[in-house]
Protein backbone atom coordinates (compact mmCIF):
# COMPACT_ATOMS: atom_id res chain seq x y z
CA MET A 1 29.99 16.54 5.64
CA HIS A 2 33.21 14.65 4.67
CA SER A 3 31.34 12.56 2.08
CA LEU A 4 29.74 15.61 0.47
CA THR A 5 32.78 17.74 -0.23
CA VAL A 6 33.42 18.65 -3.86
CA GLU A 7 36.69 16.73 -3.72
CA HIS A 8 35.11 13.52 -2.45
CA LEU A 9 32.14 13.65 -4.83
CA THR A 10 34.25 14.34 -7.93
CA GLN A 11 36.54 11.43 -7.09
CA LEU A 12 33.72 8.90 -6.89
CA ARG A 13 33.85 6.26 -9.62
CA PHE A 14 31.22 3.63 -10.32
CA ASP A 15 31.60 0.34 -12.16
CA GLY A 16 29.17 -1.09 -14.71
CA LEU A 17 27.10 -2.97 -12.14
CA GLN A 18 26.69 0.11 -9.95
CA LEU A 19 25.64 2.26 -12.91
CA SER A 20 23.20 -0.43 -13.99
CA THR A 21 21.72 -0.44 -10.47
CA LEU A 22 21.23 3.33 -10.54
CA ARG A 23 19.52 3.11 -13.93
CA ALA A 24 17.26 0.33 -12.67
CA LEU A 25 16.23 2.43 -9.67
CA GLY A 26 15.41 5.32 -11.98
CA GLU A 27 13.22 3.01 -14.05
CA TYR A 28 11.49 1.72 -10.92
CA ARG A 29 10.72 5.32 -9.93
CA GLY A 30 9.02 5.81 -13.29
CA LYS A 31 6.96 2.64 -12.95
CA GLN A 32 6.14 3.54 -9.35
CA LYS A 33 4.14 6.57 -10.55
CA LEU A 34 2.02 4.39 -12.80
CA PHE A 35 1.48 1.78 -10.08
CA VAL A 36 0.33 4.43 -7.63
CA ALA A 37 -1.96 6.09 -10.18
CA GLN A 38 -3.70 2.93 -11.33
CA SER A 39 -3.99 1.22 -7.94
CA ALA A 40 -4.19 4.17 -5.53
CA GLU A 41 -7.20 2.99 -3.57
CA ALA A 42 -6.10 -0.65 -3.41
CA LEU A 43 -2.68 0.35 -2.03
CA ALA A 44 -4.17 1.68 1.22
CA ASP A 45 -3.64 -1.62 3.05
CA LEU A 46 -0.05 -1.74 1.82
CA LYS A 47 0.57 1.74 3.24
CA GLN A 48 -0.87 0.79 6.62
CA GLN A 49 1.21 -2.38 6.84
CA ALA A 50 4.36 -0.49 5.89
CA VAL A 51 3.83 2.04 8.68
CA ILE A 52 3.45 -0.73 11.27
CA GLU A 53 6.52 -2.62 10.02
CA SER A 54 8.60 0.57 9.84
CA ALA A 55 7.98 1.51 13.46
CA GLU A 56 8.49 -2.06 14.64
CA SER A 57 11.70 -2.73 12.71
CA SER A 58 13.33 0.65 13.35
CA SER A 59 12.68 0.20 17.07
CA ARG A 60 13.90 -3.42 17.10
CA LEU A 61 17.16 -2.32 15.46
CA GLU A 62 17.69 -0.30 18.65
CA GLY A 63 16.69 -3.21 20.91
CA VAL A 64 13.17 -1.85 21.57
CA ILE A 65 10.49 -4.56 21.42
CA VAL A 66 6.70 -4.25 21.73
CA SER A 67 4.16 -7.11 21.58
CA PRO A 68 2.37 -7.43 18.20
CA SER A 69 -1.08 -6.74 19.65
CA ARG A 70 0.05 -3.58 21.41
CA LEU A 71 2.05 -2.49 18.36
CA LYS A 72 -1.06 -2.61 16.18
CA SER A 73 -3.05 -0.64 18.73
CA LEU A 74 -0.32 1.98 18.96
CA MET A 75 0.05 2.32 15.20
CA ILE A 76 -3.53 2.07 13.96
CA LYS A 77 -5.63 3.28 16.87
CA ASN A 78 -3.09 5.77 18.29
CA ALA A 79 -3.34 4.11 21.70
CA GLN A 80 -1.51 5.80 24.55
CA PRO A 81 1.86 4.13 25.33
CA LYS A 82 2.13 2.27 28.65
CA SER A 83 5.87 1.55 28.89
CA ARG A 84 9.16 3.09 27.78
CA SER A 85 9.34 0.75 24.79
CA GLU A 86 5.83 1.78 23.75
CA GLN A 87 6.74 5.44 24.27
CA GLU A 88 9.65 5.07 21.86
CA VAL A 89 7.48 3.30 19.26
CA ALA A 90 4.75 5.95 19.59
CA GLY A 91 7.30 8.69 19.04
CA TYR A 92 8.52 7.02 15.86
CA ARG A 93 4.90 6.61 14.76
CA ASP A 94 4.28 10.34 15.09
CA ALA A 95 7.51 11.32 13.33
CA LEU A 96 6.77 8.90 10.49
CA SER A 97 3.24 10.29 10.12
CA LEU A 98 4.58 13.83 9.87
CA ILE A 99 6.96 12.84 7.06
CA HIS A 100 4.21 11.01 5.18
CA GLU A 101 1.86 13.98 5.49
CA ALA A 102 4.20 16.93 5.02
CA CYS A 103 7.50 15.83 3.44
CA ASP A 104 7.29 18.55 0.77
CA ALA A 105 7.13 21.21 3.48
CA MET A 106 10.04 19.76 5.48
CA PRO A 107 13.38 21.01 4.14
CA PHE A 108 16.51 19.22 5.28
CA SER A 109 17.44 21.80 7.90
CA GLU A 110 18.61 22.01 11.49
CA GLY A 111 15.04 22.77 12.50
CA THR A 112 13.68 19.66 10.77
CA VAL A 113 16.35 17.37 12.23
CA ARG A 114 15.75 18.73 15.73
CA GLN A 115 11.98 18.52 15.25
CA LEU A 116 12.13 14.84 14.30
CA HIS A 117 14.25 14.07 17.36
CA THR A 118 11.87 16.06 19.58
CA ILE A 119 8.91 14.05 18.29
CA LEU A 120 10.77 10.78 18.97
CA TYR A 121 11.00 11.85 22.63
CA ARG A 122 7.47 13.22 22.85
CA TYR A 123 6.26 10.52 25.26
CA LEU A 124 9.53 10.12 27.21
CA PRO A 125 10.54 11.96 30.40
CA GLN A 126 13.64 13.51 28.85
CA GLU A 127 13.47 16.26 26.25
CA GLY A 128 14.58 15.68 22.68
CA GLY A 129 15.88 18.01 20.02
CA SER A 130 19.19 19.11 21.58
CA TRP A 131 22.65 18.28 20.26
CA LYS A 132 24.71 16.00 22.47
CA SER A 133 26.58 17.59 25.35
CA THR A 134 29.07 14.73 25.87
CA ASN A 135 30.99 12.49 23.48
CA ASN A 136 29.25 9.27 22.47
CA ASP A 137 31.28 6.41 21.05
CA ILE A 138 29.37 3.79 19.06
CA ILE A 139 29.80 0.62 21.08
CA GLU A 140 29.29 -2.97 19.98
CA ARG A 141 28.24 -5.31 22.80
CA HIS A 142 29.09 -9.00 22.43
CA PRO A 143 27.12 -11.89 24.02
CA ASP A 144 30.02 -12.61 26.38
CA GLY A 145 29.74 -9.10 27.80
CA SER A 146 32.79 -7.67 26.09
CA LEU A 147 32.64 -4.30 24.34
CA ARG A 148 34.20 -2.91 21.17
CA VAL A 149 34.26 0.65 19.89
CA ARG A 150 32.87 0.51 16.34
CA PHE A 151 33.35 4.21 15.68
CA THR A 152 34.24 7.44 17.45
CA PRO A 153 31.85 10.15 16.20
CA THR A 154 32.42 13.90 16.01
CA PRO A 155 33.18 15.35 19.49
CA ALA A 156 30.28 17.09 21.23
CA HIS A 157 31.84 20.57 21.10
CA LEU A 158 32.24 20.31 17.30
CA THR A 159 28.77 18.87 16.62
CA PRO A 160 26.90 22.17 15.93
CA MET A 161 29.51 23.17 13.35
CA ALA A 162 29.57 19.67 11.83
CA MET A 163 25.80 19.63 11.38
CA SER A 164 25.85 23.10 9.85
CA ASP A 165 28.52 21.93 7.40
CA LEU A 166 26.55 18.79 6.56
CA LEU A 167 23.43 20.78 5.73
CA SER A 168 25.22 23.39 3.62
CA ARG A 169 27.29 20.80 1.72
CA TYR A 170 24.21 18.70 0.99
CA TYR A 171 22.33 21.65 -0.46
CA SER A 172 25.36 22.88 -2.39
CA ALA A 173 26.00 19.44 -3.92
CA ASN A 174 22.32 19.11 -4.80
CA GLN A 175 22.05 22.54 -6.39
CA GLN A 176 25.24 22.04 -8.38
CA LYS A 177 24.14 18.51 -9.35
CA LEU A 178 27.51 17.13 -8.31
CA ALA A 179 26.01 13.64 -7.96
CA ASP A 180 22.82 11.72 -8.52
CA PRO A 181 20.26 12.03 -5.67
CA LEU A 182 20.69 8.28 -5.09
CA VAL A 183 24.31 9.03 -4.27
CA LEU A 184 23.72 12.20 -2.24
CA VAL A 185 21.02 10.73 0.04
CA PRO A 186 22.97 7.69 1.35
CA LEU A 187 26.14 9.78 1.68
CA CYS A 188 24.21 12.34 3.71
CA VAL A 189 22.85 9.57 5.97
CA LEU A 190 26.38 8.16 6.39
CA ASP A 191 27.73 11.56 7.43
CA PHE A 192 24.84 12.12 9.84
CA LEU A 193 25.57 8.80 11.55
CA CYS A 194 29.30 9.57 11.70
CA ILE A 195 28.56 12.90 13.39
CA HIS A 196 26.03 11.17 15.71
CA PRO A 197 24.68 14.56 16.81
CA PHE A 198 22.30 13.41 19.57
CA ALA A 199 23.01 11.62 22.82
CA ASP A 200 20.57 8.87 21.75
CA GLY A 201 18.13 8.17 18.92
CA ASN A 202 20.58 8.81 16.08
CA GLY A 203 19.76 5.57 14.25
CA ARG A 204 16.04 6.25 14.28
CA VAL A 205 16.48 9.85 13.11
CA ALA A 206 18.81 8.61 10.34
CA ARG A 207 16.15 6.21 9.07
CA LEU A 208 13.50 8.94 9.19
CA LEU A 209 15.82 11.25 7.24
CA THR A 210 16.38 8.46 4.72
CA LEU A 211 12.66 8.39 3.98
CA LEU A 212 12.30 12.17 3.98
CA LEU A 213 15.16 12.77 1.54
CA LEU A 214 14.14 9.93 -0.78
CA TYR A 215 10.54 11.20 -0.84
CA GLN A 216 11.75 14.66 -1.82
CA PHE A 217 13.32 13.10 -4.93
CA ASP A 218 10.12 11.13 -5.61
CA TYR A 219 11.52 7.75 -4.52
CA VAL A 220 8.46 6.97 -2.41
CA VAL A 221 8.60 3.17 -2.24
CA GLY A 222 9.00 3.51 1.54
CA ARG A 223 5.33 4.51 1.76
CA PHE A 224 4.31 1.03 0.61
CA ILE A 225 7.23 -1.25 1.53
CA SER A 226 9.03 -0.78 4.85
CA LEU A 227 12.68 0.10 4.23
CA GLU A 228 13.25 -0.26 7.97
CA ARG A 229 12.11 -3.90 7.76
CA ILE A 230 14.53 -4.52 4.91
CA PHE A 231 17.32 -2.94 6.97
CA GLU A 232 16.39 -5.15 9.92
CA ASP A 233 16.20 -8.31 7.79
CA SER A 234 19.81 -7.66 6.73
CA LYS A 235 20.98 -5.91 9.89
CA GLU A 236 24.41 -7.58 9.91
CA SER A 237 25.15 -6.10 6.47
CA TYR A 238 23.48 -2.83 7.48
CA TYR A 239 25.85 -2.32 10.40
CA GLU A 240 28.90 -3.87 8.74
CA THR A 241 28.73 -1.65 5.66
CA LEU A 242 28.18 1.46 7.75
CA GLU A 243 31.24 0.56 9.81
CA ALA A 244 33.33 -0.25 6.73
CA SER A 245 32.46 3.07 5.10
CA SER A 246 33.17 5.06 8.26
CA VAL A 247 36.83 3.96 8.42
CA ASN A 248 39.00 7.08 7.89
CA TRP A 249 35.86 9.22 7.65
CA HIS A 250 37.34 11.96 9.85
CA SER A 251 40.17 12.49 7.36
CA GLY A 252 37.85 12.33 4.36
CA THR A 253 39.70 9.34 2.89
CA HIS A 254 36.99 6.78 3.61
CA ASP A 255 35.45 4.40 1.07
CA ALA A 256 31.71 4.98 0.83
CA GLY A 257 31.34 2.08 -1.60
CA PRO A 258 30.21 -0.63 0.85
CA TRP A 259 27.42 1.54 2.25
CA LEU A 260 26.30 2.79 -1.18
CA ASN A 261 26.10 -0.77 -2.54
CA TYR A 262 24.11 -1.93 0.47
CA PHE A 263 21.75 1.07 0.35
CA TRP A 264 21.01 0.65 -3.36
CA GLY A 265 20.50 -3.08 -2.91
CA ALA A 266 17.95 -2.43 -0.16
CA LEU A 267 16.08 0.00 -2.42
CA ILE A 268 16.10 -2.49 -5.31
CA LYS A 269 14.68 -5.15 -3.00
CA ALA A 270 11.94 -2.76 -1.85
CA TYR A 271 10.95 -1.89 -5.41
CA LYS A 272 10.90 -5.52 -6.49
CA GLU A 273 8.68 -6.38 -3.55
CA PHE A 274 6.44 -3.39 -4.35
CA GLU A 275 6.10 -4.51 -7.96
CA ALA A 276 5.22 -8.04 -6.87
CA ARG A 277 2.65 -6.79 -4.38
CA VAL A 278 1.07 -4.47 -6.95
CA GLY A 279 0.80 -7.44 -9.31
CA THR A 280 -1.07 -9.38 -6.63
CA ILE A 281 -3.38 -6.42 -6.04
CA GLU A 282 -4.11 -6.09 -9.75
CA LYS A 283 -5.02 -9.75 -10.01
CA LYS A 284 -7.50 -9.18 -7.21
CA TYR A 285 -8.95 -5.88 -8.36
CA GLY A 286 -8.17 -5.89 -12.08
CA ASN A 287 -5.78 -3.53 -13.87
CA LYS A 288 -7.57 -0.19 -13.62
CA SER A 289 -5.68 1.45 -16.44
CA SER A 290 -6.66 -1.42 -18.77
CA ARG A 291 -10.30 -1.02 -17.76
CA VAL A 292 -10.15 2.71 -18.50
CA ARG A 293 -8.49 2.09 -21.85
CA ILE A 294 -11.21 -0.36 -22.89
CA ALA A 295 -13.97 1.98 -21.72
CA VAL A 296 -12.50 4.85 -23.73
CA LEU A 297 -11.93 2.93 -26.96
CA ASN A 298 -15.46 1.50 -26.87
CA ARG A 299 -17.01 4.99 -26.92
CA SER A 300 -18.68 6.06 -30.16
CA LEU A 301 -19.71 9.54 -28.96
CA PRO A 302 -17.64 12.31 -27.35
CA PHE A 303 -17.17 11.71 -23.64
CA SER A 304 -16.02 13.50 -20.49
CA ILE A 305 -13.61 12.40 -17.81
CA SER A 306 -16.52 12.11 -15.38
CA GLU A 307 -18.29 9.67 -17.69
CA ILE A 308 -15.22 7.42 -17.78
CA GLU A 309 -14.97 7.59 -13.97
CA GLN A 310 -18.59 6.44 -13.73
CA ALA A 311 -17.91 3.60 -16.16
CA CYS A 312 -14.90 2.44 -14.11
CA PRO A 313 -15.93 2.52 -10.41
CA GLY A 314 -13.07 2.75 -7.93
CA THR A 315 -10.71 4.34 -10.45
CA SER A 316 -9.12 7.66 -9.53
CA ARG A 317 -9.28 10.71 -11.77
CA ASP A 318 -5.47 10.68 -11.92
CA THR A 319 -5.59 7.20 -13.49
CA VAL A 320 -8.16 8.34 -16.06
CA ARG A 321 -6.07 11.36 -16.99
CA LEU A 322 -2.94 9.22 -17.26
CA VAL A 323 -4.64 6.81 -19.69
CA LEU A 324 -6.12 9.65 -21.74
CA ARG A 325 -2.70 11.23 -22.17
CA ALA A 326 -1.27 7.88 -23.26
CA LEU A 327 -4.05 7.30 -25.79
CA LYS A 328 -3.65 10.83 -27.13
CA SER A 329 0.09 10.32 -27.63
CA GLU A 330 -0.73 7.11 -29.53
CA GLY A 331 -2.99 9.13 -31.83
CA LEU A 332 -6.11 7.19 -30.83
CA ILE A 333 -8.12 9.99 -29.22
CA GLU A 334 -8.29 13.78 -29.37
CA SER A 335 -9.70 16.58 -27.23
CA THR A 336 -12.68 18.61 -28.46
CA GLY A 337 -11.96 21.64 -26.28
CA LYS A 338 -10.25 23.02 -23.21
CA GLY A 339 -11.17 23.58 -19.60
CA ARG A 340 -13.70 21.82 -17.40
CA SER A 341 -16.24 21.46 -20.20
CA ALA A 342 -13.79 19.78 -22.57
CA LYS A 343 -14.64 16.39 -24.00
CA TRP A 344 -12.72 13.65 -25.74
CA ARG A 345 -13.49 11.50 -28.76
CA ASN A 346 -11.95 8.61 -30.61
CA ARG A 347 -10.12 9.62 -33.76
CA PRO A 348 -11.45 8.04 -36.97
CA VAL A 349 -9.33 5.27 -38.42
CA PRO A 350 -7.69 6.56 -41.67
């Protein structure tokens, strides 16, 4: 809301390091497509591990802890939860699964936000999906028992209007391209947390929305590396930067810089870890795109995509197509036709 006004967005200024970070993330997104295409099958274990870590870390950030053995049963085998903590983890599991399966069909809307909160509370006695009915200060509890108000969110009676404004400003800023998606997404998450629209579960919904919005801009590293784990590993900075950027938020004079820098740094860390893990996978399974390239260039007769798939077991058709396009752009191969019966052949050396 306050972070996504035209005035606030047009006043944002980024230094050289910040611009370099945004460019690096754009480059990682490009490489991510190639990684996924050439190692799709081998990345299945990485996906599964990320789902487990995401549910565990997002819950632990809220003080919810489940034993490792039960966590794995809940996440992989869809075991029925036996305690409140397990009920909360199972709810996050289901919401996360929905985003992974249907993010393209989930617009950032009031219905989607409420739906995610409802799913979080699916196994709990109380109903989810309703805006808060009473005010809810964000309280910091110290070991000595003392309390401190970290932030006073939007009052309950103004929450429906605030959420409506947030949604409309996000879409307007996106359609008008007032800022890069990597600026709009964290600012949207910041505003959501400052509104704090639900009585409970706001942090978990915010992290689910983070994944959903990033996926919709094709930043899908969260499918393979748990962003929630990275947030938990640096939870002091996570909470400190959110607090720093919420100062003067109600008047629209806040400084979003601390939160933006933290958010981008977390994404960079995730992509670096993803790249390292993909490298390990390729050492184990071999670089599939290289195998396809060799298989193609060794052909003396015209060949079909199916023939290359047979020559490179375990390689997806997407990977084969990707390599063929690359070889065609290099002038090394050419197509002999169009449609399903089309074949390819190596171009003669001049």
